[in-house]
């Protein structure tokens, strides 16, 4: 298919816009990496998935709008759009996204604190009776251990006598 010069310019600008948008989404990935630590392998996998999605996006538009004809100016426009984005707007977008990320994290933390506050109050209220119960348990536990220890000795002695008496009875029979 033959494109006129104006169609080529429009296509170039459209594909450059796609590159611009793809660069914008890469800033989200960069921001995610800034706040969530990754291993080198995880970064490589993220990059591979990102570039596969970026190329699929580009070729989707090439197939639909250029009827599957990959032209040099379309590939050049894609990468030029990304370069223009990273050279001009990326710094400001990263700053704004960082502020939004930190603000959102603070709101979520505050929300969690608000939700967990009644639970903390209930726990603090229940600590007083639990301490009393535990102290009572510890006192009675010591006494109970002494009683059980004495009774276990008694049971052992009686068990030995019983075995001895059974042996004597068995010998008589």
N, C-alpha and C. Protein backbone atom coordinates (compact mmCIF):
# COMPACT_ATOMS: atom_id res chain seq x y z
N UNK A 1 0.84 -1.16 0.00
CA UNK A 1 0.00 0.00 0.00
C UNK A 1 0.89 1.24 0.00
N UNK A 2 0.58 2.15 -0.85
CA UNK A 2 1.36 3.38 -0.98
C UNK A 2 0.70 4.46 -0.15
N UNK A 3 1.50 5.09 0.71
CA UNK A 3 1.00 6.17 1.56
C UNK A 3 1.49 7.50 1.02
N UNK A 4 0.62 8.47 1.08
CA UNK A 4 1.04 9.80 0.66
C UNK A 4 1.95 10.37 1.75
N UNK A 5 2.57 11.48 1.44
CA UNK A 5 3.50 12.10 2.38
C UNK A 5 2.77 12.53 3.66
N UNK A 6 1.58 13.08 3.53
CA UNK A 6 0.84 13.50 4.72
C UNK A 6 0.41 12.30 5.56
N UNK A 7 0.03 11.20 4.90
CA UNK A 7 -0.32 9.99 5.64
C UNK A 7 0.89 9.44 6.37
N UNK A 8 2.06 9.52 5.75
CA UNK A 8 3.29 9.06 6.39
C UNK A 8 3.61 9.92 7.61
N UNK A 9 3.42 11.23 7.49
CA UNK A 9 3.68 12.12 8.62
C UNK A 9 2.70 11.83 9.75
N UNK A 10 1.42 11.67 9.44
CA UNK A 10 0.44 11.36 10.46
C UNK A 10 0.75 10.01 11.12
N UNK A 11 1.12 9.04 10.32
CA UNK A 11 1.47 7.72 10.86
C UNK A 11 2.70 7.83 11.74
N UNK A 12 3.70 8.58 11.30
CA UNK A 12 4.91 8.77 12.10
C UNK A 12 4.57 9.42 13.44
N UNK A 13 3.73 10.45 13.43
CA UNK A 13 3.36 11.13 14.67
C UNK A 13 2.52 10.22 15.57
N UNK A 14 1.64 9.43 14.96
CA UNK A 14 0.82 8.50 15.73
C UNK A 14 1.69 7.46 16.41
N UNK A 15 2.61 6.87 15.67
CA UNK A 15 3.50 5.84 16.23
C UNK A 15 4.42 6.48 17.26
N UNK A 16 4.87 7.73 17.03
CA UNK A 16 5.69 8.43 18.03
C UNK A 16 4.87 8.64 19.31
N UNK A 17 3.58 8.93 19.17
CA UNK A 17 2.71 9.05 20.34
C UNK A 17 2.59 7.75 21.10
N UNK A 18 2.54 6.65 20.36
CA UNK A 18 2.50 5.33 21.00
C UNK A 18 3.81 5.12 21.78
N UNK A 19 4.94 5.48 21.19
CA UNK A 19 6.22 5.39 21.89
C UNK A 19 6.24 6.26 23.14
N UNK A 20 5.63 7.44 23.04
CA UNK A 20 5.53 8.35 24.17
C UNK A 20 4.75 7.68 25.31
N UNK A 21 3.62 7.07 24.98
CA UNK A 21 2.78 6.41 25.99
C UNK A 21 3.50 5.19 26.57
N UNK A 22 4.19 4.44 25.73
CA UNK A 22 4.94 3.27 26.21
C UNK A 22 6.03 3.73 27.19
N UNK A 23 6.68 4.85 26.90
CA UNK A 23 7.66 5.41 27.83
C UNK A 23 7.03 5.80 29.15
N UNK A 24 5.81 6.35 29.09
CA UNK A 24 5.09 6.71 30.31
C UNK A 24 4.85 5.48 31.18
N UNK A 25 4.46 4.38 30.56
CA UNK A 25 4.22 3.17 31.33
C UNK A 25 5.52 2.58 31.88
N UNK A 26 6.63 2.83 31.20
CA UNK A 26 7.92 2.37 31.74
C UNK A 26 8.25 3.14 33.02
N UNK A 27 7.80 4.39 33.13
CA UNK A 27 8.01 5.14 34.36
C UNK A 27 7.28 4.50 35.54
N UNK A 28 6.13 3.91 35.29
CA UNK A 28 5.45 3.19 36.36
C UNK A 28 6.31 2.02 36.85
N UNK A 29 6.93 1.32 35.91
CA UNK A 29 7.81 0.22 36.26
C UNK A 29 9.02 0.73 37.04
N UNK A 30 9.59 1.84 36.61
CA UNK A 30 10.73 2.44 37.32
C UNK A 30 10.33 2.85 38.73
N UNK A 31 9.16 3.43 38.87
CA UNK A 31 8.68 3.85 40.19
C UNK A 31 8.47 2.64 41.09
N UNK A 32 7.89 1.59 40.55
CA UNK A 32 7.68 0.35 41.30
C UNK A 32 9.01 -0.19 41.79
N UNK A 33 10.02 -0.16 40.94
CA UNK A 33 11.35 -0.64 41.33
C UNK A 33 11.98 0.24 42.39
N UNK A 34 11.66 1.52 42.36
CA UNK A 34 12.25 2.45 43.33
C UNK A 34 11.74 2.16 44.74
N UNK A 35 10.47 1.83 44.87
CA UNK A 35 9.87 1.65 46.18
C UNK A 35 9.81 0.20 46.65
N UNK A 36 9.89 -0.75 45.72
CA UNK A 36 9.88 -2.16 46.08
C UNK A 36 11.18 -2.76 45.57
N UNK A 37 12.00 -3.24 46.52
CA UNK A 37 13.31 -3.78 46.14
C UNK A 37 13.14 -5.09 45.37
N UNK A 38 13.97 -5.23 44.32
CA UNK A 38 13.92 -6.41 43.46
C UNK A 38 15.31 -7.01 43.34
N UNK A 39 15.34 -8.28 43.01
CA UNK A 39 16.60 -8.91 42.65
C UNK A 39 16.88 -8.62 41.17
N UNK A 40 18.09 -8.89 40.76
CA UNK A 40 18.45 -8.64 39.36
C UNK A 40 17.62 -9.52 38.43
N UNK A 41 17.36 -10.74 38.84
CA UNK A 41 16.56 -11.64 38.01
C UNK A 41 15.13 -11.11 37.84
N UNK A 42 14.56 -10.63 38.93
CA UNK A 42 13.20 -10.09 38.85
C UNK A 42 13.15 -8.87 37.94
N UNK A 43 14.18 -8.01 38.00
CA UNK A 43 14.23 -6.83 37.12
C UNK A 43 14.33 -7.26 35.66
N UNK A 44 15.14 -8.27 35.39
CA UNK A 44 15.28 -8.75 34.01
C UNK A 44 13.96 -9.34 33.50
N UNK A 45 13.27 -10.07 34.34
CA UNK A 45 12.00 -10.65 33.92
C UNK A 45 10.97 -9.55 33.68
N UNK A 46 10.94 -8.56 34.57
CA UNK A 46 10.01 -7.43 34.38
C UNK A 46 10.31 -6.69 33.08
N UNK A 47 11.59 -6.46 32.80
CA UNK A 47 11.96 -5.79 31.56
C UNK A 47 11.54 -6.60 30.34
N UNK A 48 11.78 -7.91 30.40
CA UNK A 48 11.41 -8.75 29.26
C UNK A 48 9.90 -8.72 29.01
N UNK A 49 9.12 -8.82 30.08
CA UNK A 49 7.66 -8.77 29.94
C UNK A 49 7.23 -7.40 29.42
N UNK A 50 7.83 -6.35 29.96
CA UNK A 50 7.48 -4.99 29.52
C UNK A 50 7.76 -4.81 28.02
N UNK A 51 8.94 -5.21 27.57
CA UNK A 51 9.28 -5.02 26.16
C UNK A 51 8.44 -5.89 25.25
N UNK A 52 8.09 -7.08 25.72
CA UNK A 52 7.19 -7.91 24.91
C UNK A 52 5.83 -7.22 24.74
N UNK A 53 5.31 -6.68 25.85
CA UNK A 53 4.02 -5.97 25.78
C UNK A 53 4.13 -4.72 24.91
N UNK A 54 5.27 -4.01 25.02
CA UNK A 54 5.46 -2.80 24.21
C UNK A 54 5.51 -3.16 22.72
N UNK A 55 6.23 -4.22 22.38
CA UNK A 55 6.31 -4.62 20.97
C UNK A 55 4.98 -5.14 20.45
N UNK A 56 4.26 -5.86 21.29
CA UNK A 56 2.93 -6.34 20.87
C UNK A 56 2.02 -5.14 20.62
N UNK A 57 2.10 -4.13 21.49
CA UNK A 57 1.29 -2.92 21.30
C UNK A 57 1.65 -2.24 19.98
N UNK A 58 2.95 -2.09 19.75
CA UNK A 58 3.38 -1.41 18.51
C UNK A 58 2.93 -2.19 17.27
N UNK A 59 3.15 -3.49 17.28
CA UNK A 59 2.79 -4.27 16.11
C UNK A 59 1.27 -4.40 15.94
N UNK A 60 0.52 -4.30 17.01
CA UNK A 60 -0.93 -4.26 16.89
C UNK A 60 -1.34 -3.03 16.08
N UNK A 61 -0.77 -1.89 16.41
CA UNK A 61 -1.11 -0.67 15.67
C UNK A 61 -0.56 -0.71 14.25
N UNK A 62 0.61 -1.32 14.09
CA UNK A 62 1.16 -1.44 12.73
C UNK A 62 0.25 -2.33 11.88
N UNK A 63 -0.23 -3.41 12.46
CA UNK A 63 -1.11 -4.30 11.71
C UNK A 63 -2.44 -3.63 11.38
N UNK A 64 -2.99 -2.91 12.34
CA UNK A 64 -4.31 -2.31 12.12
C UNK A 64 -4.27 -1.04 11.29
N UNK A 65 -3.26 -0.22 11.44
CA UNK A 65 -3.25 1.07 10.77
C UNK A 65 -2.33 1.12 9.55
N UNK A 66 -1.32 0.27 9.51
CA UNK A 66 -0.43 0.23 8.35
C UNK A 66 -0.64 -1.04 7.54
N UNK A 67 -1.66 -1.79 7.89
CA UNK A 67 -2.01 -3.03 7.18
C UNK A 67 -0.85 -4.02 7.16
N UNK A 68 -0.12 -4.09 8.28
CA UNK A 68 0.94 -5.07 8.43
C UNK A 68 2.26 -4.69 7.79
N UNK A 69 2.37 -3.51 7.23
CA UNK A 69 3.61 -3.09 6.60
C UNK A 69 4.48 -2.37 7.63
N UNK A 70 5.55 -3.04 8.02
CA UNK A 70 6.47 -2.43 8.97
C UNK A 70 7.43 -1.57 8.16
N UNK A 71 7.39 -0.28 8.43
CA UNK A 71 8.23 0.65 7.70
C UNK A 71 9.26 1.24 8.65
N UNK A 72 10.34 1.66 8.08
CA UNK A 72 11.43 2.21 8.88
C UNK A 72 10.97 3.42 9.68
N UNK A 73 10.17 4.29 9.08
CA UNK A 73 9.74 5.49 9.79
C UNK A 73 8.82 5.17 10.97
N UNK A 74 8.10 4.02 10.90
CA UNK A 74 7.23 3.66 12.02
C UNK A 74 8.06 3.17 13.21
N UNK A 75 9.07 2.37 12.94
CA UNK A 75 9.96 1.91 14.02
C UNK A 75 10.74 3.09 14.59
N UNK A 76 11.22 3.96 13.71
CA UNK A 76 11.94 5.16 14.13
C UNK A 76 11.03 6.06 14.96
N UNK A 77 9.79 6.22 14.56
CA UNK A 77 8.83 7.05 15.30
C UNK A 77 8.55 6.49 16.69
N UNK A 78 8.44 5.17 16.78
CA UNK A 78 8.20 4.52 18.08
C UNK A 78 9.32 4.84 19.06
N UNK A 79 10.56 4.58 18.62
CA UNK A 79 11.69 4.82 19.52
C UNK A 79 11.96 6.31 19.72
N UNK A 80 11.70 7.12 18.72
CA UNK A 80 11.86 8.57 18.87
C UNK A 80 10.84 9.12 19.87
N UNK A 81 9.63 8.61 19.87
CA UNK A 81 8.62 9.02 20.84
C UNK A 81 9.06 8.68 22.26
N UNK A 82 9.64 7.49 22.45
CA UNK A 82 10.14 7.12 23.77
C UNK A 82 11.30 8.02 24.19
N UNK A 83 12.21 8.29 23.26
CA UNK A 83 13.36 9.14 23.58
C UNK A 83 12.91 10.55 23.94
N UNK A 84 11.96 11.09 23.19
CA UNK A 84 11.45 12.43 23.50
C UNK A 84 10.78 12.43 24.87
N UNK A 85 10.03 11.39 25.17
CA UNK A 85 9.38 11.32 26.49
C UNK A 85 10.43 11.31 27.60
N UNK A 86 11.43 10.43 27.48
CA UNK A 86 12.43 10.32 28.55
C UNK A 86 13.29 11.57 28.66
N UNK A 87 13.49 12.26 27.56
CA UNK A 87 14.31 13.47 27.60
C UNK A 87 13.55 14.69 28.11
N UNK A 88 12.22 14.67 28.00
CA UNK A 88 11.48 15.88 28.34
C UNK A 88 10.61 15.75 29.59
N UNK A 89 9.73 14.83 29.61
CA UNK A 89 8.66 14.80 30.61
C UNK A 89 8.91 13.79 31.73
N UNK A 90 9.74 12.82 31.50
CA UNK A 90 9.89 11.70 32.41
C UNK A 90 10.27 12.14 33.82
N UNK A 91 11.16 13.10 33.96
CA UNK A 91 11.61 13.54 35.29
C UNK A 91 10.43 14.08 36.09
N UNK A 92 9.61 14.90 35.46
CA UNK A 92 8.46 15.49 36.16
C UNK A 92 7.41 14.43 36.49
N UNK A 93 7.19 13.53 35.57
CA UNK A 93 6.21 12.46 35.81
C UNK A 93 6.68 11.58 36.96
N UNK A 94 7.96 11.23 37.01
CA UNK A 94 8.48 10.42 38.11
C UNK A 94 8.31 11.13 39.45
N UNK A 95 8.56 12.44 39.47
CA UNK A 95 8.40 13.20 40.72
C UNK A 95 6.94 13.18 41.16
N UNK A 96 6.05 13.44 40.22
CA UNK A 96 4.62 13.46 40.55
C UNK A 96 4.15 12.07 40.99
N UNK A 97 4.56 11.04 40.26
CA UNK A 97 4.18 9.68 40.63
C UNK A 97 4.76 9.28 41.99
N UNK A 98 5.97 9.74 42.30
CA UNK A 98 6.57 9.45 43.61
C UNK A 98 5.75 10.09 44.71
N UNK A 99 5.35 11.34 44.50
CA UNK A 99 4.53 12.03 45.50
C UNK A 99 3.21 11.30 45.68
N UNK A 100 2.60 10.91 44.58
CA UNK A 100 1.32 10.18 44.66
C UNK A 100 1.52 8.85 45.38
N UNK A 101 2.61 8.14 45.07
CA UNK A 101 2.90 6.85 45.70
C UNK A 101 3.05 7.01 47.21
N UNK A 102 3.86 8.00 47.64
CA UNK A 102 4.09 8.22 49.07
C UNK A 102 2.79 8.64 49.75
N UNK A 103 2.03 9.53 49.12
CA UNK A 103 0.76 9.97 49.70
C UNK A 103 -0.20 8.79 49.85
N UNK A 104 -0.29 7.97 48.81
CA UNK A 104 -1.17 6.81 48.86
C UNK A 104 -0.73 5.84 49.96
N UNK A 105 0.58 5.62 50.07
CA UNK A 105 1.08 4.73 51.13
C UNK A 105 0.73 5.27 52.50
N UNK A 106 0.88 6.58 52.70
CA UNK A 106 0.54 7.19 53.99
C UNK A 106 -0.95 7.08 54.29
N UNK A 107 -1.77 7.28 53.28
CA UNK A 107 -3.22 7.16 53.48
C UNK A 107 -3.58 5.73 53.86
N UNK A 108 -2.99 4.77 53.19
CA UNK A 108 -3.27 3.36 53.49
C UNK A 108 -2.82 3.02 54.90
N UNK A 109 -1.62 3.49 55.29
CA UNK A 109 -1.13 3.24 56.65
C UNK A 109 -2.05 3.88 57.68
N UNK A 110 -2.48 5.11 57.42
CA UNK A 110 -3.38 5.79 58.34
C UNK A 110 -4.72 5.04 58.42
N UNK A 111 -5.21 4.56 57.30
CA UNK A 111 -6.45 3.80 57.27
C UNK A 111 -6.32 2.52 58.09
N UNK A 112 -5.18 1.84 57.96
CA UNK A 112 -4.94 0.62 58.74
C UNK A 112 -4.87 0.95 60.23
N UNK A 113 -4.22 2.07 60.58
CA UNK A 113 -4.16 2.46 61.99
C UNK A 113 -5.54 2.77 62.54
N UNK A 114 -6.37 3.43 61.75
CA UNK A 114 -7.73 3.74 62.19
C UNK A 114 -8.54 2.47 62.40
N UNK A 115 -8.37 1.51 61.52
CA UNK A 115 -9.12 0.26 61.64
C UNK A 115 -8.62 -0.56 62.83
N UNK A 116 -7.31 -0.59 63.06
CA UNK A 116 -6.77 -1.42 64.13
C UNK A 116 -6.83 -0.75 65.50
N UNK A 117 -7.13 0.53 65.57
CA UNK A 117 -7.17 1.22 66.85
C UNK A 117 -8.19 0.61 67.82
N UNK A 118 -9.43 0.35 67.39
CA UNK A 118 -10.38 -0.28 68.34
C UNK A 118 -9.90 -1.64 68.84
N UNK A 119 -9.24 -2.38 67.98
CA UNK A 119 -8.71 -3.69 68.39
C UNK A 119 -7.64 -3.51 69.47
N UNK A 120 -6.77 -2.52 69.29
CA UNK A 120 -5.75 -2.26 70.30
C UNK A 120 -6.38 -1.83 71.62
N UNK A 121 -7.43 -1.01 71.56
CA UNK A 121 -8.11 -0.59 72.78
C UNK A 121 -8.72 -1.78 73.50
N UNK A 122 -9.36 -2.65 72.75
CA UNK A 122 -9.97 -3.85 73.35
C UNK A 122 -8.90 -4.73 73.99
N UNK A 123 -7.77 -4.89 73.31
CA UNK A 123 -6.67 -5.69 73.87
C UNK A 123 -6.16 -5.06 75.15
N UNK A 124 -5.99 -3.74 75.16
CA UNK A 124 -5.51 -3.08 76.37
C UNK A 124 -6.52 -3.21 77.51
N UNK A 125 -7.81 -3.16 77.21
CA UNK A 125 -8.82 -3.33 78.24
C UNK A 125 -8.79 -4.76 78.79
N UNK A 126 -8.59 -5.74 77.92
CA UNK A 126 -8.58 -7.14 78.36
C UNK A 126 -7.28 -7.54 79.05
N UNK A 127 -6.25 -6.74 78.94
CA UNK A 127 -4.97 -7.09 79.58
C UNK A 127 -5.10 -7.15 81.10
N UNK A 128 -5.87 -6.25 81.69
CA UNK A 128 -5.98 -6.18 83.15
C UNK A 128 -6.59 -7.47 83.72
N UNK A 129 -7.77 -7.90 83.24
CA UNK A 129 -8.29 -9.16 83.80
C UNK A 129 -7.41 -10.37 83.44
N UNK A 130 -6.78 -10.33 82.28
CA UNK A 130 -5.91 -11.45 81.91
C UNK A 130 -4.70 -11.53 82.83
N UNK A 131 -4.15 -10.39 83.23
CA UNK A 131 -3.02 -10.40 84.16
C UNK A 131 -3.44 -10.98 85.51
N UNK A 132 -4.64 -10.62 85.97
CA UNK A 132 -5.14 -11.16 87.23
C UNK A 132 -5.33 -12.67 87.12
N UNK A 133 -5.92 -13.10 86.03
CA UNK A 133 -6.14 -14.54 85.82
C UNK A 133 -4.82 -15.28 85.73
N UNK A 134 -3.86 -14.72 85.03
CA UNK A 134 -2.55 -15.38 84.90
C UNK A 134 -1.84 -15.46 86.24
N UNK A 135 -1.89 -14.39 87.03
CA UNK A 135 -1.23 -14.45 88.33
C UNK A 135 -1.90 -15.50 89.22
N UNK A 136 -3.25 -15.56 89.19
CA UNK A 136 -3.96 -16.60 89.96
C UNK A 136 -3.58 -17.98 89.45
N UNK A 137 -3.49 -18.14 88.15
CA UNK A 137 -3.12 -19.43 87.55
C UNK A 137 -1.72 -19.84 87.98
N UNK A 138 -0.80 -18.91 87.99
CA UNK A 138 0.58 -19.24 88.38
C UNK A 138 0.64 -19.70 89.82
N UNK A 139 -0.10 -19.03 90.71
CA UNK A 139 -0.10 -19.43 92.11
C UNK A 139 -0.70 -20.82 92.28
N UNK A 140 -1.85 -21.03 91.66
CA UNK A 140 -2.51 -22.33 91.79
C UNK A 140 -1.75 -23.41 91.04
N UNK A 141 -1.06 -23.03 89.99
CA UNK A 141 -0.31 -24.00 89.22
C UNK A 141 0.82 -24.59 90.05
N UNK A 142 1.49 -23.75 90.84
CA UNK A 142 2.58 -24.26 91.68
C UNK A 142 2.03 -25.26 92.70
N UNK A 143 0.90 -24.91 93.31
CA UNK A 143 0.29 -25.81 94.30
C UNK A 143 -0.16 -27.10 93.63
N UNK A 144 -0.74 -26.97 92.45
CA UNK A 144 -1.23 -28.15 91.73
C UNK A 144 -0.07 -29.06 91.34
N UNK A 145 1.03 -28.48 90.94
CA UNK A 145 2.20 -29.29 90.58
C UNK A 145 2.69 -30.08 91.79
N UNK A 146 2.71 -29.43 92.95
CA UNK A 146 3.16 -30.13 94.16
C UNK A 146 2.24 -31.29 94.48
N UNK A 147 0.95 -31.05 94.43
CA UNK A 147 -0.01 -32.10 94.74
C UNK A 147 0.11 -33.24 93.74
N UNK A 148 0.20 -32.90 92.45
CA UNK A 148 0.32 -33.95 91.43
C UNK A 148 1.62 -34.71 91.55
N UNK A 149 2.68 -34.03 91.91
CA UNK A 149 3.96 -34.70 92.07
C UNK A 149 3.89 -35.71 93.21
N UNK A 150 3.28 -35.30 94.34
CA UNK A 150 3.13 -36.22 95.47
C UNK A 150 2.24 -37.39 95.10
N UNK A 151 1.15 -37.09 94.39
CA UNK A 151 0.22 -38.16 94.03
C UNK A 151 0.85 -39.13 93.02
N UNK A 152 1.71 -38.61 92.14
CA UNK A 152 2.35 -39.51 91.18
C UNK A 152 3.31 -40.44 91.89
N UNK A 153 4.00 -39.94 92.93
CA UNK A 153 4.88 -40.81 93.72
C UNK A 153 4.05 -41.90 94.39
N UNK A 154 2.92 -41.48 94.93
CA UNK A 154 2.04 -42.43 95.61
C UNK A 154 1.54 -43.49 94.64
N UNK A 155 1.19 -43.06 93.43
CA UNK A 155 0.71 -44.00 92.42
C UNK A 155 1.82 -44.96 92.04
N UNK A 156 3.05 -44.47 91.90
CA UNK A 156 4.17 -45.34 91.55
C UNK A 156 4.40 -46.39 92.64
N UNK A 157 4.35 -45.94 93.90
CA UNK A 157 4.56 -46.87 95.00
C UNK A 157 3.46 -47.92 95.00
N UNK A 158 2.22 -47.48 94.83
CA UNK A 158 1.10 -48.43 94.83
C UNK A 158 1.18 -49.37 93.63
N UNK A 159 1.65 -48.86 92.49
CA UNK A 159 1.78 -49.71 91.31
C UNK A 159 2.83 -50.79 91.55
N UNK A 160 3.92 -50.43 92.20
CA UNK A 160 4.95 -51.43 92.51
C UNK A 160 4.41 -52.49 93.46
N UNK A 161 3.66 -52.07 94.47
CA UNK A 161 3.08 -53.02 95.42
C UNK A 161 2.10 -53.95 94.71
N UNK A 162 1.32 -53.36 93.82
CA UNK A 162 0.33 -54.15 93.11
C UNK A 162 1.00 -55.20 92.24
N UNK A 163 2.07 -54.82 91.56
CA UNK A 163 2.81 -55.79 90.74
C UNK A 163 3.38 -56.91 91.62
N UNK A 164 3.94 -56.50 92.74
CA UNK A 164 4.52 -57.49 93.65
C UNK A 164 3.45 -58.44 94.16
N UNK A 165 2.31 -57.89 94.57
CA UNK A 165 1.22 -58.72 95.07
C UNK A 165 0.69 -59.66 93.99
N UNK A 166 0.62 -59.18 92.73
CA UNK A 166 0.15 -60.03 91.61
C UNK A 166 1.13 -61.17 91.36
N UNK A 167 2.41 -60.92 91.48
CA UNK A 167 3.40 -61.98 91.27
C UNK A 167 3.26 -63.04 92.35
N UNK A 168 3.04 -62.61 93.58
CA UNK A 168 2.89 -63.56 94.68
C UNK A 168 1.65 -64.40 94.47
N UNK A 169 0.57 -63.79 94.04
CA UNK A 169 -0.68 -64.52 93.81
C UNK A 169 -0.51 -65.50 92.66
N UNK A 170 0.19 -65.08 91.61
CA UNK A 170 0.38 -65.95 90.43
C UNK A 170 1.25 -67.15 90.84
N UNK A 171 2.24 -66.95 91.68
CA UNK A 171 3.10 -68.07 92.11
C UNK A 171 2.33 -69.08 92.95
N UNK A 172 1.39 -68.62 93.72
CA UNK A 172 0.62 -69.51 94.56
C UNK A 172 -0.34 -70.37 93.73
N UNK A 173 -0.77 -69.84 92.63
CA UNK A 173 -1.76 -70.57 91.84
C UNK A 173 -1.10 -71.57 90.97
